[in-house]
Amino acid sequence: MRQLTLPRNRRTACWLALAAFTLILSPATARAQTDASAWPAHPVKLVVPFPAGGGADTQARMIAERLSQEWKQPVTPENVSGAGGAVAANAVARSKPDGQTLFFATHPILAISPFMTKKLPYDPVKDFTPVIKLIEAPLVLLVPVASPVRTVADLVRLAKEKPGSINFGSGGIGTTQHLAGELLKLGADIDMTHVPYRGNAQTAAALITNEIQMHFDGVPSAVAQIKGGRVRGIAVTSKKRLTSVPELPTLSETLPDFEVSLAYGLLVPAGTPADVVAKINRSANAAIREAAYTKRISGEGATIEGGTPKEFADFLARERAKWGPLIKRLNIEAE
């Protein structure tokens, strides 16, 4: 076979062209590697899908402060509320995937609410990369202090003896409290009527006056009301009993596998470099295990989670599989 040989001047020209291309490419490659290793090179934005001053906002600011210290760059919370978190989610989904925009989200925004909304301007799965599950906050099942109900078994018995006699309240249609009540109805095979209110403050007042006969509430608020003698706690929705109210059994002790919690986590826009995601994950894992943070979270009845991006992604997938069919079955639509 005849070997093709380029004239000397043409070979030289080819080598010079290749060398020039390499010189052009190399700085770009080196710059990309340097950017990833030096990230973050400027302030990071933490999008919070709730108004300033609430419990979730407080959690976000605690994390932002610790990440700022770790990265030696400001991590600035930006409150973008509206449409149950969809406004914030859409803003993050359309952000540049460079790690400079983080999403501090409660998991229903991406794993539950989409089932109740017919059209979203973003894909809750494809448009985000989960980074870390930070904490989980369970609920407490409350009844009026004058109620004859003292256990979950009592509640189930009463509901079966007097179908339709129990109203349960929530802070609105599709909230975690609402879905917890629907899951209880399904798991215990009982009939109860959902009464939505505009927020937990109204729901708590309705429980005290016996306008409703049960309510799932967040741990800090529930514990304060229990200690104030205004309501009675009968169970918690976590996997294990809580140190803040160890006398309360878990619902799963009566109804196996019953578990409901509100998880907080960090996500970034899809396409964010894997090494940046890994760095955020490492920093956040360290932040939530600081003694001061752990003490405060435990005192509020929440549990520190942490872990890998895959573990958070798997959790979100399980929650979608858990709540999606129930929401479709009951035809629950966002208000």
C-alpha atoms as a PDB file:
ATOM      1  CA  MET A   1       0.000   0.000   0.000  1.00  0.00           C
ATOM      2  CA  ARG A   2       1.371   3.388  -0.933  1.00  0.00           C
ATOM      3  CA  GLN A   3       1.853   5.746   1.968  1.00  0.00           C
ATOM      4  CA  LEU A   4       0.514   9.236   1.517  1.00  0.00           C
ATOM      5  CA  THR A   5       3.192  11.809   2.277  1.00  0.00           C
ATOM      6  CA  LEU A   6       2.561  15.498   2.513  1.00  0.00           C
ATOM      7  CA  PRO A   7       5.107  17.893   1.135  1.00  0.00           C
ATOM      8  CA  ARG A   8       7.387  19.321   3.811  1.00  0.00           C
ATOM      9  CA  ASN A   9       5.855  22.792   3.625  1.00  0.00           C
ATOM     10  CA  ARG A  10       2.324  21.385   3.957  1.00  0.00           C
ATOM     11  CA  ARG A  11       3.303  19.164   6.916  1.00  0.00           C
ATOM     12  CA  THR A  12       4.831  22.182   8.593  1.00  0.00           C
ATOM     13  CA  ALA A  13       1.676  24.184   8.026  1.00  0.00           C
ATOM     14  CA  CYS A  14      -0.474  21.421   9.564  1.00  0.00           C
ATOM     15  CA  TRP A  15       1.726  21.187  12.669  1.00  0.00           C
ATOM     16  CA  LEU A  16       1.651  24.950  13.089  1.00  0.00           C
ATOM     17  CA  ALA A  17      -2.151  24.956  12.777  1.00  0.00           C
ATOM     18  CA  LEU A  18      -2.464  22.178  15.372  1.00  0.00           C
ATOM     19  CA  ALA A  19      -0.112  23.998  17.720  1.00  0.00           C
ATOM     20  CA  ALA A  20      -2.104  27.210  17.337  1.00  0.00           C
ATOM     21  CA  PHE A  21      -5.367  25.361  18.050  1.00  0.00           C
ATOM     22  CA  THR A  22      -3.814  23.814  21.159  1.00  0.00           C
ATOM     23  CA  LEU A  23      -2.699  27.231  22.388  1.00  0.00           C
ATOM     24  CA  ILE A  24      -6.210  28.554  21.861  1.00  0.00           C
ATOM     25  CA  LEU A  25      -7.843  25.575  23.588  1.00  0.00           C
ATOM     26  CA  SER A  26      -5.476  25.206  26.531  1.00  0.00           C
ATOM     27  CA  PRO A  27      -6.242  28.527  28.272  1.00  0.00           C
ATOM     28  CA  ALA A  28      -9.982  27.792  28.044  1.00  0.00           C
ATOM     29  CA  THR A  29      -9.496  24.321  29.510  1.00  0.00           C
ATOM     30  CA  ALA A  30      -7.216  25.614  32.245  1.00  0.00           C
ATOM     31  CA  ARG A  31      -9.646  28.428  32.990  1.00  0.00           C
ATOM     32  CA  ALA A  32     -12.547  25.970  33.380  1.00  0.00           C
ATOM     33  CA  GLN A  33     -10.500  23.836  35.775  1.00  0.00           C
ATOM     34  CA  THR A  34      -9.394  26.892  37.753  1.00  0.00           C
ATOM     35  CA  ASP A  35     -12.949  28.221  37.987  1.00  0.00           C
ATOM     36  CA  ALA A  36     -14.200  24.915  39.375  1.00  0.00           C
ATOM     37  CA  SER A  37     -11.400  24.601  41.923  1.00  0.00           C
ATOM     38  CA  ALA A  38     -11.671  28.239  43.015  1.00  0.00           C
ATOM     39  CA  TRP A  39     -15.465  28.308  43.171  1.00  0.00           C
ATOM     40  CA  PRO A  40     -17.091  30.423  44.456  1.00  0.00           C
ATOM     41  CA  ALA A  41     -15.135  33.365  43.087  1.00  0.00           C
ATOM     42  CA  HIS A  42     -17.913  35.860  43.889  1.00  0.00           C
ATOM     43  CA  PRO A  43     -21.071  36.084  46.069  1.00  0.00           C
ATOM     44  CA  VAL A  44     -23.591  33.238  45.916  1.00  0.00           C
ATOM     45  CA  LYS A  45     -27.363  33.773  45.830  1.00  0.00           C
ATOM     46  CA  LEU A  46     -29.611  31.531  47.942  1.00  0.00           C
ATOM     47  CA  VAL A  47     -33.184  31.664  46.635  1.00  0.00           C
ATOM     48  CA  VAL A  48     -35.747  31.179  49.418  1.00  0.00           C
ATOM     49  CA  PRO A  49     -39.342  30.525  48.249  1.00  0.00           C
ATOM     50  CA  PHE A  50     -40.938  32.057  51.358  1.00  0.00           C
ATOM     51  CA  PRO A  51     -41.375  35.554  52.801  1.00  0.00           C
ATOM     52  CA  ALA A  52     -38.726  36.882  55.162  1.00  0.00           C
ATOM     53  CA  GLY A  53     -39.203  36.217  58.846  1.00  0.00           C
ATOM     54  CA  GLY A  54     -40.847  32.779  58.736  1.00  0.00           C
ATOM     55  CA  GLY A  55     -39.473  29.484  60.016  1.00  0.00           C
ATOM     56  CA  ALA A  56     -38.146  28.353  56.632  1.00  0.00           C
ATOM     57  CA  ASP A  57     -36.504  31.744  56.066  1.00  0.00           C
ATOM     58  CA  THR A  58     -34.779  31.462  59.438  1.00  0.00           C
ATOM     59  CA  GLN A  59     -33.455  28.023  58.503  1.00  0.00           C
ATOM     60  CA  ALA A  60     -32.170  29.341  55.175  1.00  0.00           C
ATOM     61  CA  ARG A  61     -30.345  32.233  56.816  1.00  0.00           C
ATOM     62  CA  MET A  62     -28.681  29.925  59.308  1.00  0.00           C
ATOM     63  CA  ILE A  63     -27.340  27.791  56.456  1.00  0.00           C
ATOM     64  CA  ALA A  64     -26.328  30.860  54.444  1.00  0.00           C
ATOM     65  CA  GLU A  65     -24.303  32.205  57.363  1.00  0.00           C
ATOM     66  CA  ARG A  66     -22.391  28.955  57.781  1.00  0.00           C
ATOM     67  CA  LEU A  67     -21.701  28.555  54.065  1.00  0.00           C
ATOM     68  CA  SER A  68     -20.477  32.155  53.899  1.00  0.00           C
ATOM     69  CA  GLN A  69     -17.938  31.376  56.598  1.00  0.00           C
ATOM     70  CA  GLU A  70     -16.848  28.191  54.835  1.00  0.00           C
ATOM     71  CA  TRP A  71     -16.474  29.701  51.368  1.00  0.00           C
ATOM     72  CA  LYS A  72     -15.176  33.145  52.400  1.00  0.00           C
ATOM     73  CA  GLN A  73     -17.804  34.618  50.079  1.00  0.00           C
ATOM     74  CA  PRO A  74     -21.216  36.115  50.941  1.00  0.00           C
ATOM     75  CA  VAL A  75     -24.135  33.724  50.537  1.00  0.00           C
ATOM     76  CA  THR A  76     -27.092  36.078  50.276  1.00  0.00           C
ATOM     77  CA  PRO A  77     -30.672  34.860  50.845  1.00  0.00           C
ATOM     78  CA  GLU A  78     -33.150  36.244  48.324  1.00  0.00           C
ATOM     79  CA  ASN A  79     -36.826  35.814  49.239  1.00  0.00           C
ATOM     80  CA  VAL A  80     -38.918  35.006  46.153  1.00  0.00           C
ATOM     81  CA  SER A  81     -42.373  33.993  47.362  1.00  0.00           C
ATOM     82  CA  GLY A  82     -45.532  33.216  45.419  1.00  0.00           C
ATOM     83  CA  ALA A  83     -47.547  30.349  43.908  1.00  0.00           C
ATOM     84  CA  GLY A  84     -46.531  27.888  46.623  1.00  0.00           C
ATOM     85  CA  GLY A  85     -42.853  28.111  45.724  1.00  0.00           C
ATOM     86  CA  ALA A  86     -43.326  27.891  41.961  1.00  0.00           C
ATOM     87  CA  VAL A  87     -42.143  31.458  41.330  1.00  0.00           C
ATOM     88  CA  ALA A  88     -38.846  30.781  43.096  1.00  0.00           C
ATOM     89  CA  ALA A  89     -38.440  27.376  41.452  1.00  0.00           C
ATOM     90  CA  ASN A  90     -38.940  28.890  38.018  1.00  0.00           C
ATOM     91  CA  ALA A  91     -36.353  31.598  38.734  1.00  0.00           C
ATOM     92  CA  VAL A  92     -33.774  28.998  39.788  1.00  0.00           C
ATOM     93  CA  ALA A  93     -34.527  26.717  36.835  1.00  0.00           C
ATOM     94  CA  ARG A  94     -33.691  29.587  34.481  1.00  0.00           C
ATOM     95  CA  SER A  95     -30.528  30.627  36.285  1.00  0.00           C
ATOM     96  CA  LYS A  96     -27.080  29.984  34.873  1.00  0.00           C
ATOM     97  CA  PRO A  97     -25.909  26.504  35.994  1.00  0.00           C
ATOM     98  CA  ASP A  98     -22.630  27.684  37.470  1.00  0.00           C
ATOM     99  CA  GLY A  99     -23.239  27.078  41.173  1.00  0.00           C
ATOM    100  CA  GLN A 100     -23.782  30.771  41.916  1.00  0.00           C
ATOM    101  CA  THR A 101     -27.530  30.266  42.471  1.00  0.00           C
ATOM    102  CA  LEU A 102     -28.736  27.821  45.122  1.00  0.00           C
ATOM    103  CA  PHE A 103     -32.336  26.848  45.870  1.00  0.00           C
ATOM    104  CA  PHE A 104     -33.347  26.391  49.513  1.00  0.00           C
ATOM    105  CA  ALA A 105     -36.564  24.411  49.133  1.00  0.00           C
ATOM    106  CA  THR A 106     -39.037  22.419  51.138  1.00  0.00           C
ATOM    107  CA  HIS A 107     -39.489  19.131  49.332  1.00  0.00           C
ATOM    108  CA  PRO A 108     -43.233  19.488  48.523  1.00  0.00           C
ATOM    109  CA  ILE A 109     -42.365  22.263  46.046  1.00  0.00           C
ATOM    110  CA  LEU A 110     -40.694  19.706  43.768  1.00  0.00           C
ATOM    111  CA  ALA A 111     -42.175  16.374  44.875  1.00  0.00           C
ATOM    112  CA  ILE A 112     -45.804  17.086  45.816  1.00  0.00           C
ATOM    113  CA  SER A 113     -47.117  20.440  44.566  1.00  0.00           C
ATOM    114  CA  PRO A 114     -46.480  19.645  40.865  1.00  0.00           C
ATOM    115  CA  PHE A 115     -49.139  16.930  41.066  1.00  0.00           C
ATOM    116  CA  MET A 116     -51.677  19.579  42.076  1.00  0.00           C
ATOM    117  CA  THR A 117     -50.789  22.078  39.361  1.00  0.00           C
ATOM    118  CA  LYS A 118     -51.817  21.417  35.776  1.00  0.00           C
ATOM    119  CA  LYS A 119     -49.183  23.583  34.105  1.00  0.00           C
ATOM    120  CA  LEU A 120     -45.764  24.563  35.383  1.00  0.00           C
ATOM    121  CA  PRO A 121     -43.230  26.697  33.495  1.00  0.00           C
ATOM    122  CA  TYR A 122     -40.464  24.309  34.581  1.00  0.00           C
ATOM    123  CA  ASP A 123     -39.870  20.578  34.965  1.00  0.00           C
ATOM    124  CA  PRO A 124     -39.577  19.713  38.697  1.00  0.00           C
ATOM    125  CA  VAL A 125     -37.293  16.758  37.918  1.00  0.00           C
ATOM    126  CA  LYS A 126     -35.281  17.651  34.806  1.00  0.00           C
ATOM    127  CA  ASP A 127     -34.584  21.312  35.613  1.00  0.00           C
ATOM    128  CA  PHE A 128     -32.870  20.748  38.983  1.00  0.00           C
ATOM    129  CA  THR A 129     -29.977  18.835  40.471  1.00  0.00           C
ATOM    130  CA  PRO A 130     -30.528  17.814  44.112  1.00  0.00           C
ATOM    131  CA  VAL A 131     -27.505  18.625  46.296  1.00  0.00           C
ATOM    132  CA  ILE A 132     -28.353  17.698  49.880  1.00  0.00           C
ATOM    133  CA  LYS A 133     -31.259  16.938  52.153  1.00  0.00           C
ATOM    134  CA  LEU A 134     -30.596  19.193  55.146  1.00  0.00           C
ATOM    135  CA  ILE A 135     -33.211  18.433  57.799  1.00  0.00           C
ATOM    136  CA  GLU A 136     -36.577  16.783  58.295  1.00  0.00           C
ATOM    137  CA  ALA A 137     -39.364  18.246  60.417  1.00  0.00           C
ATOM    138  CA  PRO A 138     -42.241  15.953  61.430  1.00  0.00           C
ATOM    139  CA  LEU A 139     -45.725  16.923  62.584  1.00  0.00           C
ATOM    140  CA  VAL A 140     -47.640  16.424  65.821  1.00  0.00           C
ATOM    141  CA  LEU A 141     -51.220  15.151  65.843  1.00  0.00           C
ATOM    142  CA  LEU A 142     -53.265  17.402  68.148  1.00  0.00           C
ATOM    143  CA  VAL A 143     -56.801  17.227  69.543  1.00  0.00           C
ATOM    144  CA  PRO A 144     -58.735  19.665  71.787  1.00  0.00           C
ATOM    145  CA  VAL A 145     -57.805  19.383  75.445  1.00  0.00           C
ATOM    146  CA  ALA A 146     -61.426  18.477  76.286  1.00  0.00           C
ATOM    147  CA  SER A 147     -61.572  15.708  73.691  1.00  0.00           C
ATOM    148  CA  PRO A 148     -62.153  12.129  74.878  1.00  0.00           C
ATOM    149  CA  VAL A 149     -59.444  11.073  72.389  1.00  0.00           C
ATOM    150  CA  ARG A 150     -56.115  10.295  74.058  1.00  0.00           C
ATOM    151  CA  THR A 151     -54.538   7.883  71.587  1.00  0.00           C
ATOM    152  CA  VAL A 152     -54.558   7.202  67.857  1.00  0.00           C
ATOM    153  CA  ALA A 153     -56.575   4.063  68.579  1.00  0.00           C
ATOM    154  CA  ASP A 154     -59.193   6.224  70.345  1.00  0.00           C
ATOM    155  CA  LEU A 155     -59.379   8.511  67.320  1.00  0.00           C
ATOM    156  CA  VAL A 156     -59.839   5.620  64.901  1.00  0.00           C
ATOM    157  CA  ARG A 157     -62.470   4.026  67.131  1.00  0.00           C
ATOM    158  CA  LEU A 158     -64.451   7.266  67.427  1.00  0.00           C
ATOM    159  CA  ALA A 159     -64.303   7.867  63.673  1.00  0.00           C
ATOM    160  CA  LYS A 160     -65.628   4.381  62.991  1.00  0.00           C
ATOM    161  CA  GLU A 161     -68.368   4.605  65.619  1.00  0.00           C
ATOM    162  CA  LYS A 162     -69.510   8.037  64.441  1.00  0.00           C
ATOM    163  CA  PRO A 163     -68.620   8.419  60.750  1.00  0.00           C
ATOM    164  CA  GLY A 164     -68.328  12.030  59.669  1.00  0.00           C
ATOM    165  CA  SER A 165     -68.145  13.371  63.217  1.00  0.00           C
ATOM    166  CA  ILE A 166     -64.491  14.385  62.989  1.00  0.00           C
ATOM    167  CA  ASN A 167     -63.307  17.459  61.151  1.00  0.00           C
ATOM    168  CA  PHE A 168     -59.598  17.930  60.647  1.00  0.00           C
ATOM    169  CA  GLY A 169     -58.043  21.255  59.844  1.00  0.00           C
ATOM    170  CA  SER A 170     -55.040  22.426  57.857  1.00  0.00           C
ATOM    171  CA  GLY A 171     -53.397  25.610  56.673  1.00  0.00           C
ATOM    172  CA  GLY A 172     -54.830  25.091  53.189  1.00  0.00           C
ATOM    173  CA  ILE A 173     -55.560  22.577  50.443  1.00  0.00           C
ATOM    174  CA  GLY A 174     -52.514  20.565  49.450  1.00  0.00           C
ATOM    175  CA  THR A 175     -50.420  21.496  52.482  1.00  0.00           C
ATOM    176  CA  THR A 176     -48.436  18.827  54.316  1.00  0.00           C
ATOM    177  CA  GLN A 177     -50.997  18.999  57.148  1.00  0.00           C
ATOM    178  CA  HIS A 178     -53.843  18.371  54.708  1.00  0.00           C
ATOM    179  CA  LEU A 179     -52.098  15.448  53.032  1.00  0.00           C
ATOM    180  CA  ALA A 180     -51.196  13.945  56.418  1.00  0.00           C
ATOM    181  CA  GLY A 181     -54.890  13.920  57.301  1.00  0.00           C
ATOM    182  CA  GLU A 182     -55.805  12.295  53.994  1.00  0.00           C
ATOM    183  CA  LEU A 183     -53.112   9.660  54.519  1.00  0.00           C
ATOM    184  CA  LEU A 184     -54.526   8.965  57.986  1.00  0.00           C
ATOM    185  CA  LYS A 185     -58.013   8.537  56.525  1.00  0.00           C
ATOM    186  CA  LEU A 186     -56.687   6.080  53.977  1.00  0.00           C
ATOM    187  CA  GLY A 187     -54.424   4.148  56.343  1.00  0.00           C
ATOM    188  CA  ALA A 188     -57.010   3.788  59.107  1.00  0.00           C
ATOM    189  CA  ASP A 189     -59.967   3.422  56.709  1.00  0.00           C
ATOM    190  CA  ILE A 190     -61.965   6.147  58.447  1.00  0.00           C
ATOM    191  CA  ASP A 191     -64.166   9.016  57.324  1.00  0.00           C
ATOM    192  CA  MET A 192     -63.167  12.562  58.266  1.00  0.00           C
ATOM    193  CA  THR A 193     -63.900  15.967  56.748  1.00  0.00           C
ATOM    194  CA  HIS A 194     -61.124  18.329  55.765  1.00  0.00           C
ATOM    195  CA  VAL A 195     -61.570  21.991  56.723  1.00  0.00           C
ATOM    196  CA  PRO A 196     -58.946  24.279  55.143  1.00  0.00           C
ATOM    197  CA  TYR A 197     -58.017  27.572  56.759  1.00  0.00           C
ATOM    198  CA  ARG A 198     -55.801  30.415  55.632  1.00  0.00           C
ATOM    199  CA  GLY A 199     -52.790  29.537  57.717  1.00  0.00           C
ATOM    200  CA  ASN A 200     -51.909  27.626  60.858  1.00  0.00           C
ATOM    201  CA  ALA A 201     -52.885  30.419  63.258  1.00  0.00           C
ATOM    202  CA  GLN A 202     -56.548  30.125  62.255  1.00  0.00           C
ATOM    203  CA  THR A 203     -56.352  26.341  62.358  1.00  0.00           C
ATOM    204  CA  ALA A 204     -54.924  26.376  65.897  1.00  0.00           C
ATOM    205  CA  ALA A 205     -57.712  28.680  67.065  1.00  0.00           C
ATOM    206  CA  ALA A 206     -60.342  26.406  65.491  1.00  0.00           C
ATOM    207  CA  LEU A 207     -58.903  23.394  67.321  1.00  0.00           C
ATOM    208  CA  ILE A 208     -58.972  25.124  70.706  1.00  0.00           C
ATOM    209  CA  THR A 209     -62.670  26.007  70.251  1.00  0.00           C
ATOM    210  CA  ASN A 210     -63.492  22.471  68.992  1.00  0.00           C
ATOM    211  CA  GLU A 211     -64.526  23.796  65.586  1.00  0.00           C
ATOM    212  CA  ILE A 212     -62.284  21.019  64.320  1.00  0.00           C
ATOM    213  CA  GLN A 213     -61.495  17.837  66.231  1.00  0.00           C
ATOM    214  CA  MET A 214     -57.890  17.232  65.142  1.00  0.00           C
ATOM    215  CA  HIS A 215     -55.002  18.951  63.447  1.00  0.00           C
ATOM    216  CA  PHE A 216     -51.438  18.140  62.382  1.00  0.00           C
ATOM    217  CA  ASP A 217     -49.110  20.938  63.453  1.00  0.00           C
ATOM    218  CA  GLY A 218     -45.375  21.667  63.301  1.00  0.00           C
ATOM    219  CA  VAL A 219     -43.362  20.643  66.349  1.00  0.00           C
ATOM    220  CA  PRO A 220     -42.409  24.085  67.780  1.00  0.00           C
ATOM    221  CA  SER A 221     -45.965  25.408  67.605  1.00  0.00           C
ATOM    222  CA  ALA A 222     -47.482  22.120  68.816  1.00  0.00           C
ATOM    223  CA  VAL A 223     -45.155  21.799  71.811  1.00  0.00           C
ATOM    224  CA  ALA A 224     -45.878  25.397  72.860  1.00  0.00           C
ATOM    225  CA  GLN A 225     -49.620  24.758  72.743  1.00  0.00           C
ATOM    226  CA  ILE A 226     -49.330  21.435  74.584  1.00  0.00           C
ATOM    227  CA  LYS A 227     -47.264  23.008  77.375  1.00  0.00           C
ATOM    228  CA  GLY A 228     -49.758  25.876  77.540  1.00  0.00           C
ATOM    229  CA  GLY A 229     -52.524  23.368  78.241  1.00  0.00           C
ATOM    230  CA  ARG A 230     -54.580  24.499  75.257  1.00  0.00           C
ATOM    231  CA  VAL A 231     -54.454  21.255  73.270  1.00  0.00           C
ATOM    232  CA  ARG A 232     -53.473  17.609  73.701  1.00  0.00           C
ATOM    233  CA  GLY A 233     -50.826  15.874  71.644  1.00  0.00           C
ATOM    234  CA  ILE A 234     -51.448  12.210  70.881  1.00  0.00           C
ATOM    235  CA  ALA A 235     -48.760  11.203  68.343  1.00  0.00           C
ATOM    236  CA  VAL A 236     -45.914  12.335  66.086  1.00  0.00           C
ATOM    237  CA  THR A 237     -45.458  11.555  62.400  1.00  0.00           C
ATOM    238  CA  SER A 238     -41.707  10.847  62.525  1.00  0.00           C
ATOM    239  CA  LYS A 239     -40.057   7.422  62.260  1.00  0.00           C
ATOM    240  CA  LYS A 240     -38.882   7.656  65.865  1.00  0.00           C
ATOM    241  CA  ARG A 241     -40.160   9.406  68.969  1.00  0.00           C
ATOM    242  CA  LEU A 242     -38.954  12.960  69.456  1.00  0.00           C
ATOM    243  CA  THR A 243     -36.661  14.013  72.290  1.00  0.00           C
ATOM    244  CA  SER A 244     -38.701  17.203  72.743  1.00  0.00           C
ATOM    245  CA  VAL A 245     -41.913  15.222  73.442  1.00  0.00           C
ATOM    246  CA  PRO A 246     -40.714  11.675  74.223  1.00  0.00           C
ATOM    247  CA  GLU A 247     -44.023  10.763  75.833  1.00  0.00           C
ATOM    248  CA  LEU A 248     -45.811  10.955  72.476  1.00  0.00           C
ATOM    249  CA  PRO A 249     -45.792   7.721  70.444  1.00  0.00           C
ATOM    250  CA  THR A 250     -45.292   7.678  66.693  1.00  0.00           C
ATOM    251  CA  LEU A 251     -48.316   7.151  64.489  1.00  0.00           C
ATOM    252  CA  SER A 252     -46.519   4.159  63.006  1.00  0.00           C
ATOM    253  CA  GLU A 253     -46.784   2.400  66.374  1.00  0.00           C
ATOM    254  CA  THR A 254     -50.513   2.141  65.636  1.00  0.00           C
ATOM    255  CA  LEU A 255     -50.549   2.407  61.849  1.00  0.00           C
ATOM    256  CA  PRO A 256     -47.426   0.671  60.475  1.00  0.00           C
ATOM    257  CA  ASP A 257     -45.384   2.613  57.909  1.00  0.00           C
ATOM    258  CA  PHE A 258     -47.236   5.884  58.564  1.00  0.00           C
ATOM    259  CA  GLU A 259     -44.691   8.652  58.203  1.00  0.00           C
ATOM    260  CA  VAL A 260     -45.000  12.276  57.161  1.00  0.00           C
ATOM    261  CA  SER A 261     -42.343  14.952  57.346  1.00  0.00           C
ATOM    262  CA  LEU A 262     -41.345  18.212  55.771  1.00  0.00           C
ATOM    263  CA  ALA A 263     -37.811  18.079  54.391  1.00  0.00           C
ATOM    264  CA  TYR A 264     -35.579  21.055  53.660  1.00  0.00           C
ATOM    265  CA  GLY A 265     -32.839  20.763  51.066  1.00  0.00           C
ATOM    266  CA  LEU A 266     -30.550  22.509  48.622  1.00  0.00           C
ATOM    267  CA  LEU A 267     -30.773  22.193  44.835  1.00  0.00           C
ATOM    268  CA  VAL A 268     -29.076  23.887  41.882  1.00  0.00           C
ATOM    269  CA  PRO A 269     -30.062  24.346  38.237  1.00  0.00           C
ATOM    270  CA  ALA A 270     -29.579  21.238  36.105  1.00  0.00           C
ATOM    271  CA  GLY A 271     -26.250  21.263  34.314  1.00  0.00           C
ATOM    272  CA  THR A 272     -24.267  22.647  37.234  1.00  0.00           C
ATOM    273  CA  PRO A 273     -20.777  21.049  37.124  1.00  0.00           C
ATOM    274  CA  ALA A 274     -20.529  17.869  39.188  1.00  0.00           C
ATOM    275  CA  ASP A 275     -17.439  19.043  41.051  1.00  0.00           C
ATOM    276  CA  VAL A 276     -19.245  22.222  42.139  1.00  0.00           C
ATOM    277  CA  VAL A 277     -22.244  20.165  43.299  1.00  0.00           C
ATOM    278  CA  ALA A 278     -19.858  17.953  45.276  1.00  0.00           C
ATOM    279  CA  LYS A 279     -18.233  20.976  46.915  1.00  0.00           C
ATOM    280  CA  ILE A 280     -21.585  22.455  47.945  1.00  0.00           C
ATOM    281  CA  ASN A 281     -22.604  19.059  49.318  1.00  0.00           C
ATOM    282  CA  ARG A 282     -19.431  18.726  51.411  1.00  0.00           C
ATOM    283  CA  SER A 283     -19.754  22.230  52.805  1.00  0.00           C
ATOM    284  CA  ALA A 284     -23.443  21.851  53.647  1.00  0.00           C
ATOM    285  CA  ASN A 285     -22.853  18.480  55.347  1.00  0.00           C
ATOM    286  CA  ALA A 286     -20.242  20.132  57.559  1.00  0.00           C
ATOM    287  CA  ALA A 287     -22.480  23.146  58.266  1.00  0.00           C
ATOM    288  CA  ILE A 288     -25.461  21.161  59.547  1.00  0.00           C
ATOM    289  CA  ARG A 289     -23.262  19.136  61.888  1.00  0.00           C
ATOM    290  CA  GLU A 290     -21.895  22.117  63.773  1.00  0.00           C
ATOM    291  CA  ALA A 291     -22.785  21.820  67.446  1.00  0.00           C
ATOM    292  CA  ALA A 292     -24.711  25.099  67.692  1.00  0.00           C
ATOM    293  CA  TYR A 293     -26.805  24.321  64.619  1.00  0.00           C
ATOM    294  CA  THR A 294     -27.507  20.745  65.709  1.00  0.00           C
ATOM    295  CA  LYS A 295     -28.616  21.885  69.162  1.00  0.00           C
ATOM    296  CA  ARG A 296     -31.030  24.439  67.767  1.00  0.00           C
ATOM    297  CA  ILE A 297     -32.531  22.081  65.187  1.00  0.00           C
ATOM    298  CA  SER A 298     -32.984  19.294  67.736  1.00  0.00           C
ATOM    299  CA  GLY A 299     -34.662  21.732  70.094  1.00  0.00           C
ATOM    300  CA  GLU A 300     -37.207  22.494  67.400  1.00  0.00           C
ATOM    301  CA  GLY A 301     -38.027  18.819  66.933  1.00  0.00           C
ATOM    302  CA  ALA A 302     -36.312  18.424  63.588  1.00  0.00           C
ATOM    303  CA  THR A 303     -33.628  15.910  62.684  1.00  0.00           C
ATOM    304  CA  ILE A 304     -30.333  16.490  60.918  1.00  0.00           C
ATOM    305  CA  GLU A 305     -30.175  14.529  57.665  1.00  0.00           C
ATOM    306  CA  GLY A 306     -27.269  15.309  55.317  1.00  0.00           C
ATOM    307  CA  GLY A 307     -25.889  12.707  52.933  1.00  0.00           C
ATOM    308  CA  THR A 308     -25.160  12.566  49.219  1.00  0.00           C
ATOM    309  CA  PRO A 309     -26.911  14.214  46.258  1.00  0.00           C
ATOM    310  CA  LYS A 310     -28.151  10.770  45.180  1.00  0.00           C
ATOM    311  CA  GLU A 311     -29.712  10.123  48.576  1.00  0.00           C
ATOM    312  CA  PHE A 312     -31.640  13.391  48.323  1.00  0.00           C
ATOM    313  CA  ALA A 313     -32.704  12.569  44.759  1.00  0.00           C
ATOM    314  CA  ASP A 314     -33.884   9.120  45.884  1.00  0.00           C
ATOM    315  CA  PHE A 315     -35.883  10.685  48.727  1.00  0.00           C
ATOM    316  CA  LEU A 316     -37.636  13.054  46.319  1.00  0.00           C
ATOM    317  CA  ALA A 317     -38.434  10.117  44.015  1.00  0.00           C
ATOM    318  CA  ARG A 318     -39.969   8.158  46.909  1.00  0.00           C
ATOM    319  CA  GLU A 319     -42.075  11.144  47.938  1.00  0.00           C
ATOM    320  CA  ARG A 320     -43.375  11.534  44.379  1.00  0.00           C
ATOM    321  CA  ALA A 321     -44.286   7.854  44.298  1.00  0.00           C
ATOM    322  CA  LYS A 322     -45.986   8.166  47.696  1.00  0.00           C
ATOM    323  CA  TRP A 323     -48.069  11.302  47.198  1.00  0.00           C
ATOM    324  CA  GLY A 324     -48.684  11.411  43.445  1.00  0.00           C
ATOM    325  CA  PRO A 325     -51.240   8.570  43.333  1.00  0.00           C
ATOM    326  CA  LEU A 326     -53.050   9.874  46.444  1.00  0.00           C
ATOM    327  CA  ILE A 327     -53.347  13.385  45.027  1.00  0.00           C
ATOM    328  CA  LYS A 328     -54.642  12.069  41.692  1.00  0.00           C
ATOM    329  CA  ARG A 329     -57.055   9.704  43.427  1.00  0.00           C
ATOM    330  CA  LEU A 330     -58.546  12.534  45.499  1.00  0.00           C
ATOM    331  CA  ASN A 331     -58.336  15.023  42.626  1.00  0.00           C
ATOM    332  CA  ILE A 332     -56.626  17.604  44.814  1.00  0.00           C
ATOM    333  CA  GLU A 333     -55.839  20.836  43.018  1.00  0.00           C
ATOM    334  CA  ALA A 334     -53.812  23.781  44.286  1.00  0.00           C
ATOM    335  CA  GLU A 335     -55.842  26.803  45.334  1.00  0.00           C
END
